[in-house]
Each structure stands twice: as C-alpha cells, then as structure tokens.
C-alpha cells in the first residue's frame, strides 16, 4: 500500500502529504467529518483505498496507473439515492433512482478516482460518490470529495498511490 495523508484546517482547504511532498487539495464545504452523512458536504475521516480510475478519453490522455482504468461514456453514472439497492454504486444511465452523471459538461470528472468509502457494503445514508477528482474551475469546495489539480492527480497515480488516510480535524 502506498498511502497519502490528508490534513484539513477546518475549511475546504487541505493538504495532501505524499512521498515527502505537501500538495494543496480542496475538500468538502463542511470540512472533514468524523461521521459522514449523505448530503452533509463533508469529507469522511478514514482510510480511503483507491478503487478505480475513470477518464474522459475525448478530453484528456490516458493516465499512467496500475489501478483498474476505464474511459467514461455518456451513459455512466453513480447512484446516490439511499433508498435504492444500488446506492453508492456505478450505474448505467438512464437510471430511475437519484444519481450523479459522471460524464459532465465541466472538467471536474475528466480524471476521477473512485475512493473506497461506504462500499463494503454500502450503508444507506452514510455517504456516496466520494471521489478523488479535479477541482472546480471557480475554486468552490467539493460536495465531500477530494480534489487536486490534474498534474498532481496524474503524478499520484503514476507514483502508485493506493490509499488516502483522511485525518480527523485537530
């Protein structure tokens, strides 16, 4: 396992420490949360393994990684409806329950990594769609994900990052 450690400062700004380097990151608007609840805009505390990488092949080059890797398609989604049997799982669109589109007009998910949070098995209401992705262009916080610039994300993947430990607020 190759681990990075994420430290927050009580704001949506954080620092990701990996291989002796500190890199700026953006997290959820509610900061780091010891107990994650669906819709709280918090980034969950814990060890988050990197599960799978998706990328927009029409917009960006294939990243170098040893993780499972798939190009995104317009029919890719992620279920965020806690009453649905596929809560916190990849789904094909159209999908009848609440979901998030992975094929977005903005560039946030041009390169996106599924983080292992509340997925073994998913517990309704404990948070879904926690990803490592690119930051919003306008600088706003995420909805609970971790965001880093594309060059940083590519370096992390190339250098073998396999998990992120999100530390509780000090």
C-alpha atoms as a PDB file:
ATOM      1  CA  UNK A   1       0.000   0.000   0.000  1.00  0.00           C
ATOM      2  CA  UNK A   2       1.210   3.461  -0.897  1.00  0.00           C
ATOM      3  CA  UNK A   3      -0.584   5.944   1.343  1.00  0.00           C
ATOM      4  CA  UNK A   4      -1.051   9.693   1.248  1.00  0.00           C
ATOM      5  CA  UNK A   5      -2.257  11.558   4.335  1.00  0.00           C
ATOM      6  CA  UNK A   6      -4.789  14.381   4.108  1.00  0.00           C
ATOM      7  CA  UNK A   7      -4.827  17.113   6.780  1.00  0.00           C
ATOM      8  CA  UNK A   8      -7.600  19.693   6.935  1.00  0.00           C
ATOM      9  CA  UNK A   9      -7.589  23.069   8.641  1.00  0.00           C
ATOM     10  CA  UNK A  10     -11.322  23.380   9.339  1.00  0.00           C
ATOM     11  CA  UNK A  11     -12.022  24.928   5.942  1.00  0.00           C
ATOM     12  CA  UNK A  12     -12.491  23.437   2.473  1.00  0.00           C
ATOM     13  CA  UNK A  13      -8.714  23.731   2.027  1.00  0.00           C
ATOM     14  CA  UNK A  14      -6.498  20.785   2.894  1.00  0.00           C
ATOM     15  CA  UNK A  15      -3.006  19.449   2.364  1.00  0.00           C
ATOM     16  CA  UNK A  16      -2.248  16.058   0.853  1.00  0.00           C
ATOM     17  CA  UNK A  17       1.109  14.635   2.003  1.00  0.00           C
ATOM     18  CA  UNK A  18       2.624  12.015  -0.282  1.00  0.00           C
ATOM     19  CA  UNK A  19       6.201  10.830  -0.783  1.00  0.00           C
ATOM     20  CA  UNK A  20       7.662  13.745   1.151  1.00  0.00           C
ATOM     21  CA  UNK A  21       5.685  16.422  -0.678  1.00  0.00           C
ATOM     22  CA  UNK A  22       2.783  18.548   0.533  1.00  0.00           C
ATOM     23  CA  UNK A  23       0.203  19.303  -2.143  1.00  0.00           C
ATOM     24  CA  UNK A  24      -2.813  21.584  -1.852  1.00  0.00           C
ATOM     25  CA  UNK A  25      -6.226  19.954  -2.044  1.00  0.00           C
ATOM     26  CA  UNK A  26      -9.844  21.048  -1.932  1.00  0.00           C
ATOM     27  CA  UNK A  27     -12.334  19.107   0.180  1.00  0.00           C
ATOM     28  CA  UNK A  28     -15.995  19.320   1.124  1.00  0.00           C
ATOM     29  CA  UNK A  29     -17.593  22.621   2.077  1.00  0.00           C
ATOM     30  CA  UNK A  30     -18.192  21.250   5.612  1.00  0.00           C
ATOM     31  CA  UNK A  31     -14.562  20.194   6.024  1.00  0.00           C
ATOM     32  CA  UNK A  32     -13.555  16.807   7.385  1.00  0.00           C
ATOM     33  CA  UNK A  33     -16.295  14.822   9.141  1.00  0.00           C
ATOM     34  CA  UNK A  34     -15.668  12.003  11.633  1.00  0.00           C
ATOM     35  CA  UNK A  35     -19.151  10.666  10.815  1.00  0.00           C
ATOM     36  CA  UNK A  36     -20.176  11.064   7.177  1.00  0.00           C
ATOM     37  CA  UNK A  37     -23.873  11.550   6.377  1.00  0.00           C
ATOM     38  CA  UNK A  38     -25.331  11.714   2.872  1.00  0.00           C
ATOM     39  CA  UNK A  39     -25.599  15.315   1.741  1.00  0.00           C
ATOM     40  CA  UNK A  40     -23.557  16.890   4.579  1.00  0.00           C
ATOM     41  CA  UNK A  41     -20.860  18.199   2.178  1.00  0.00           C
ATOM     42  CA  UNK A  42     -18.185  16.720   4.428  1.00  0.00           C
ATOM     43  CA  UNK A  43     -15.116  14.694   3.517  1.00  0.00           C
ATOM     44  CA  UNK A  44     -15.081  11.459   5.541  1.00  0.00           C
ATOM     45  CA  UNK A  45     -12.373  10.553   8.061  1.00  0.00           C
ATOM     46  CA  UNK A  46     -10.674   7.222   7.481  1.00  0.00           C
ATOM     47  CA  UNK A  47      -8.502   5.255   5.113  1.00  0.00           C
ATOM     48  CA  UNK A  48      -9.936   5.547   1.606  1.00  0.00           C
ATOM     49  CA  UNK A  49      -8.499   2.999  -0.830  1.00  0.00           C
ATOM     50  CA  UNK A  50      -8.344   3.980  -4.498  1.00  0.00           C
ATOM     51  CA  UNK A  51     -10.687   1.545  -6.259  1.00  0.00           C
ATOM     52  CA  UNK A  52     -10.858   2.537  -9.925  1.00  0.00           C
ATOM     53  CA  UNK A  53      -9.893   5.339 -12.297  1.00  0.00           C
ATOM     54  CA  UNK A  54     -12.162   6.813 -14.973  1.00  0.00           C
ATOM     55  CA  UNK A  55     -11.151   9.414 -17.531  1.00  0.00           C
ATOM     56  CA  UNK A  56     -12.675  11.358 -20.420  1.00  0.00           C
ATOM     57  CA  UNK A  57     -10.759   9.971 -23.410  1.00  0.00           C
ATOM     58  CA  UNK A  58     -12.266  12.708 -25.593  1.00  0.00           C
ATOM     59  CA  UNK A  59     -10.703  15.409 -23.378  1.00  0.00           C
ATOM     60  CA  UNK A  60      -7.591  14.042 -21.698  1.00  0.00           C
ATOM     61  CA  UNK A  61      -4.853  11.469 -22.151  1.00  0.00           C
ATOM     62  CA  UNK A  62      -4.994   8.063 -20.539  1.00  0.00           C
ATOM     63  CA  UNK A  63      -3.278   8.304 -17.117  1.00  0.00           C
ATOM     64  CA  UNK A  64      -0.430   6.030 -16.113  1.00  0.00           C
ATOM     65  CA  UNK A  65      -1.630   3.823 -13.270  1.00  0.00           C
ATOM     66  CA  UNK A  66      -1.685   0.239 -12.051  1.00  0.00           C
ATOM     67  CA  UNK A  67      -5.279   0.691 -10.846  1.00  0.00           C
ATOM     68  CA  UNK A  68      -8.255  -0.545 -12.874  1.00  0.00           C
ATOM     69  CA  UNK A  69      -8.813   2.056 -15.600  1.00  0.00           C
ATOM     70  CA  UNK A  70     -11.824   2.766 -17.837  1.00  0.00           C
ATOM     71  CA  UNK A  71     -12.722   5.553 -20.227  1.00  0.00           C
ATOM     72  CA  UNK A  72     -16.002   7.252 -19.310  1.00  0.00           C
ATOM     73  CA  UNK A  73     -19.042   7.229 -21.564  1.00  0.00           C
ATOM     74  CA  UNK A  74     -22.125   9.471 -21.617  1.00  0.00           C
ATOM     75  CA  UNK A  75     -24.168   6.682 -20.001  1.00  0.00           C
ATOM     76  CA  UNK A  76     -22.024   6.381 -16.860  1.00  0.00           C
ATOM     77  CA  UNK A  77     -23.497   7.365 -13.512  1.00  0.00           C
ATOM     78  CA  UNK A  78     -23.257   6.826  -9.757  1.00  0.00           C
ATOM     79  CA  UNK A  79     -26.323   6.119  -7.608  1.00  0.00           C
ATOM     80  CA  UNK A  80     -26.733   8.497  -4.657  1.00  0.00           C
ATOM     81  CA  UNK A  81     -30.291   7.510  -3.708  1.00  0.00           C
ATOM     82  CA  UNK A  82     -30.048   5.901  -0.271  1.00  0.00           C
ATOM     83  CA  UNK A  83     -33.352   4.069  -0.771  1.00  0.00           C
ATOM     84  CA  UNK A  84     -32.094   2.313  -3.919  1.00  0.00           C
ATOM     85  CA  UNK A  85     -30.478  -1.155  -3.964  1.00  0.00           C
ATOM     86  CA  UNK A  86     -27.553   0.291  -5.993  1.00  0.00           C
ATOM     87  CA  UNK A  87     -26.797   3.096  -3.516  1.00  0.00           C
ATOM     88  CA  UNK A  88     -23.144   4.176  -3.772  1.00  0.00           C
ATOM     89  CA  UNK A  89     -22.513   2.083  -6.872  1.00  0.00           C
ATOM     90  CA  UNK A  90     -21.751   2.652 -10.526  1.00  0.00           C
ATOM     91  CA  UNK A  91     -24.925   2.598 -12.687  1.00  0.00           C
ATOM     92  CA  UNK A  92     -25.769   2.863 -16.375  1.00  0.00           C
ATOM     93  CA  UNK A  93     -27.881   5.843 -17.423  1.00  0.00           C
ATOM     94  CA  UNK A  94     -30.693   6.478 -17.766  1.00  0.00           C
ATOM     95  CA  UNK A  95     -31.300   5.264 -14.230  1.00  0.00           C
ATOM     96  CA  UNK A  96     -34.639   5.589 -12.409  1.00  0.00           C
ATOM     97  CA  UNK A  97     -33.284   6.468  -8.952  1.00  0.00           C
ATOM     98  CA  UNK A  98     -31.271   9.517  -7.880  1.00  0.00           C
ATOM     99  CA  UNK A  99     -27.812   9.556  -9.394  1.00  0.00           C
ATOM    100  CA  UNK A 100     -24.851  11.655 -10.398  1.00  0.00           C
ATOM    101  CA  UNK A 101     -23.671  11.875 -14.009  1.00  0.00           C
ATOM    102  CA  UNK A 102     -20.005  11.007 -14.410  1.00  0.00           C
ATOM    103  CA  UNK A 103     -19.922  12.471 -17.951  1.00  0.00           C
ATOM    104  CA  UNK A 104     -20.064  16.154 -17.045  1.00  0.00           C
ATOM    105  CA  UNK A 105     -20.017  19.401 -19.006  1.00  0.00           C
ATOM    106  CA  UNK A 106     -17.394  20.868 -16.675  1.00  0.00           C
ATOM    107  CA  UNK A 107     -13.951  19.263 -16.328  1.00  0.00           C
ATOM    108  CA  UNK A 108     -14.195  18.033 -12.722  1.00  0.00           C
ATOM    109  CA  UNK A 109     -14.510  14.371 -13.734  1.00  0.00           C
ATOM    110  CA  UNK A 110     -12.202  14.431 -16.757  1.00  0.00           C
ATOM    111  CA  UNK A 111      -9.971  12.339 -14.483  1.00  0.00           C
ATOM    112  CA  UNK A 112     -11.734  10.790 -11.484  1.00  0.00           C
ATOM    113  CA  UNK A 113     -10.838   8.069  -8.995  1.00  0.00           C
ATOM    114  CA  UNK A 114     -13.431   6.120  -7.027  1.00  0.00           C
ATOM    115  CA  UNK A 115     -12.473   6.124  -3.350  1.00  0.00           C
ATOM    116  CA  UNK A 116     -13.449   3.246  -1.093  1.00  0.00           C
ATOM    117  CA  UNK A 117     -15.890   4.882   1.296  1.00  0.00           C
ATOM    118  CA  UNK A 118     -19.086   3.163   2.472  1.00  0.00           C
ATOM    119  CA  UNK A 119     -18.802   0.498  -0.199  1.00  0.00           C
ATOM    120  CA  UNK A 120     -18.168  -2.809   1.573  1.00  0.00           C
ATOM    121  CA  UNK A 121     -21.174  -2.978   1.732  1.00  0.00           C
ATOM    122  CA  UNK A 122     -22.845   0.419   1.302  1.00  0.00           C
ATOM    123  CA  UNK A 123     -24.915   1.543   4.295  1.00  0.00           C
ATOM    124  CA  UNK A 124     -27.819   3.808   3.316  1.00  0.00           C
ATOM    125  CA  UNK A 125     -27.231   7.406   4.373  1.00  0.00           C
ATOM    126  CA  UNK A 126     -23.520   7.035   5.225  1.00  0.00           C
ATOM    127  CA  UNK A 127     -22.320   8.853   2.100  1.00  0.00           C
ATOM    128  CA  UNK A 128     -21.912   8.108  -1.568  1.00  0.00           C
ATOM    129  CA  UNK A 129     -19.862   9.157  -4.575  1.00  0.00           C
ATOM    130  CA  UNK A 130     -16.695  10.035  -2.667  1.00  0.00           C
ATOM    131  CA  UNK A 131     -14.090  10.568  -5.362  1.00  0.00           C
ATOM    132  CA  UNK A 132     -10.616  11.972  -5.929  1.00  0.00           C
ATOM    133  CA  UNK A 133     -11.051  14.359  -8.854  1.00  0.00           C
ATOM    134  CA  UNK A 134     -10.103  17.676 -10.430  1.00  0.00           C
ATOM    135  CA  UNK A 135     -11.021  20.920  -8.653  1.00  0.00           C
ATOM    136  CA  UNK A 136     -13.943  23.041  -9.834  1.00  0.00           C
ATOM    137  CA  UNK A 137     -12.780  25.875 -12.106  1.00  0.00           C
ATOM    138  CA  UNK A 138     -14.370  28.520  -9.889  1.00  0.00           C
ATOM    139  CA  UNK A 139     -12.461  27.379  -6.799  1.00  0.00           C
ATOM    140  CA  UNK A 140     -15.536  26.306  -4.854  1.00  0.00           C
ATOM    141  CA  UNK A 141     -15.310  23.348  -2.443  1.00  0.00           C
ATOM    142  CA  UNK A 142     -16.407  19.834  -3.316  1.00  0.00           C
ATOM    143  CA  UNK A 143     -19.519  18.072  -2.024  1.00  0.00           C
ATOM    144  CA  UNK A 144     -17.333  15.796   0.102  1.00  0.00           C
ATOM    145  CA  UNK A 145     -14.742  14.574  -2.389  1.00  0.00           C
ATOM    146  CA  UNK A 146     -11.027  15.369  -2.511  1.00  0.00           C
ATOM    147  CA  UNK A 147      -9.883  17.492  -5.457  1.00  0.00           C
ATOM    148  CA  UNK A 148      -6.360  18.173  -6.704  1.00  0.00           C
ATOM    149  CA  UNK A 149      -5.022  19.736  -9.912  1.00  0.00           C
ATOM    150  CA  UNK A 150      -4.733  17.392 -12.885  1.00  0.00           C
ATOM    151  CA  UNK A 151      -0.906  17.381 -12.901  1.00  0.00           C
ATOM    152  CA  UNK A 152      -0.914  16.397  -9.208  1.00  0.00           C
ATOM    153  CA  UNK A 153      -3.507  13.663  -9.739  1.00  0.00           C
ATOM    154  CA  UNK A 154      -1.532  12.241 -12.651  1.00  0.00           C
ATOM    155  CA  UNK A 155       1.649  12.240 -10.525  1.00  0.00           C
ATOM    156  CA  UNK A 156      -0.159  10.498  -7.640  1.00  0.00           C
ATOM    157  CA  UNK A 157      -1.482   7.787  -9.961  1.00  0.00           C
ATOM    158  CA  UNK A 158       1.854   7.334 -11.753  1.00  0.00           C
ATOM    159  CA  UNK A 159       3.705   7.124  -8.424  1.00  0.00           C
ATOM    160  CA  UNK A 160       1.468   4.299  -7.212  1.00  0.00           C
ATOM    161  CA  UNK A 161      -0.877   5.935  -4.715  1.00  0.00           C
ATOM    162  CA  UNK A 162      -3.239   3.248  -3.422  1.00  0.00           C
ATOM    163  CA  UNK A 163      -4.980   4.907  -0.440  1.00  0.00           C
ATOM    164  CA  UNK A 164      -5.584   8.216   1.275  1.00  0.00           C
ATOM    165  CA  UNK A 165      -5.817   8.495   5.038  1.00  0.00           C
ATOM    166  CA  UNK A 166      -8.068  11.409   5.946  1.00  0.00           C
ATOM    167  CA  UNK A 167      -7.191  12.507   9.464  1.00  0.00           C
ATOM    168  CA  UNK A 168      -9.809  13.884  11.871  1.00  0.00           C
ATOM    169  CA  UNK A 169      -9.737  17.636  12.427  1.00  0.00           C
ATOM    170  CA  UNK A 170      -7.248  18.694  15.087  1.00  0.00           C
END
